[in-house]
Amino acid sequence: MKFERYNPKLKKLARNLRKNGTKSEIVLWRYLRNKQL
């Protein structure tokens, strides 16, 4: 099986998105944590 290298630019973007979610994601995770969905 061959693995492709991860693009360093995408890695930086992915890390930033995980730390700073969009408003919609923040609201969604709040509901999921409180089991209200």
Protein backbone atom coordinates (compact mmCIF):
# COMPACT_ATOMS: atom_id res chain seq x y z
CA MET A 1 0.00 0.00 0.00
CA LYS A 2 1.35 3.42 -0.95
CA PHE A 3 0.86 6.47 1.26
CA GLU A 4 0.82 10.01 -0.04
CA ARG A 5 2.68 12.75 1.78
CA TYR A 6 0.61 15.31 3.67
CA ASN A 7 0.81 18.82 2.26
CA PRO A 8 2.45 21.05 4.95
CA LYS A 9 0.23 23.98 3.96
CA LEU A 10 -2.89 21.90 4.53
CA LYS A 11 -1.53 20.67 7.85
CA LYS A 12 -1.24 24.24 9.12
CA LEU A 13 -4.75 25.07 7.89
CA ALA A 14 -6.22 21.91 9.45
CA ARG A 15 -4.63 22.69 12.82
CA ASN A 16 -6.00 26.24 12.71
CA LEU A 17 -9.51 25.02 11.83
CA ARG A 18 -9.46 22.52 14.72
CA LYS A 19 -8.49 25.23 17.19
CA ASN A 20 -10.83 27.91 15.85
CA GLY A 21 -14.06 26.40 14.61
CA THR A 22 -16.73 28.36 12.81
CA LYS A 23 -19.69 29.70 14.77
CA SER A 24 -21.85 26.91 13.39
CA GLU A 25 -19.37 24.26 14.53
CA ILE A 26 -19.13 25.76 18.00
CA VAL A 27 -22.92 25.71 18.38
CA LEU A 28 -23.14 22.17 16.99
CA TRP A 29 -20.50 20.84 19.41
CA ARG A 30 -22.21 22.60 22.33
CA TYR A 31 -25.47 20.80 21.53
CA LEU A 32 -23.70 17.48 21.00
CA ARG A 33 -21.86 17.79 24.32
CA ASN A 34 -25.10 18.49 26.15
CA LYS A 35 -26.90 15.69 24.28
CA GLN A 36 -29.56 18.12 23.08
CA LEU A 37 -29.51 17.09 19.44
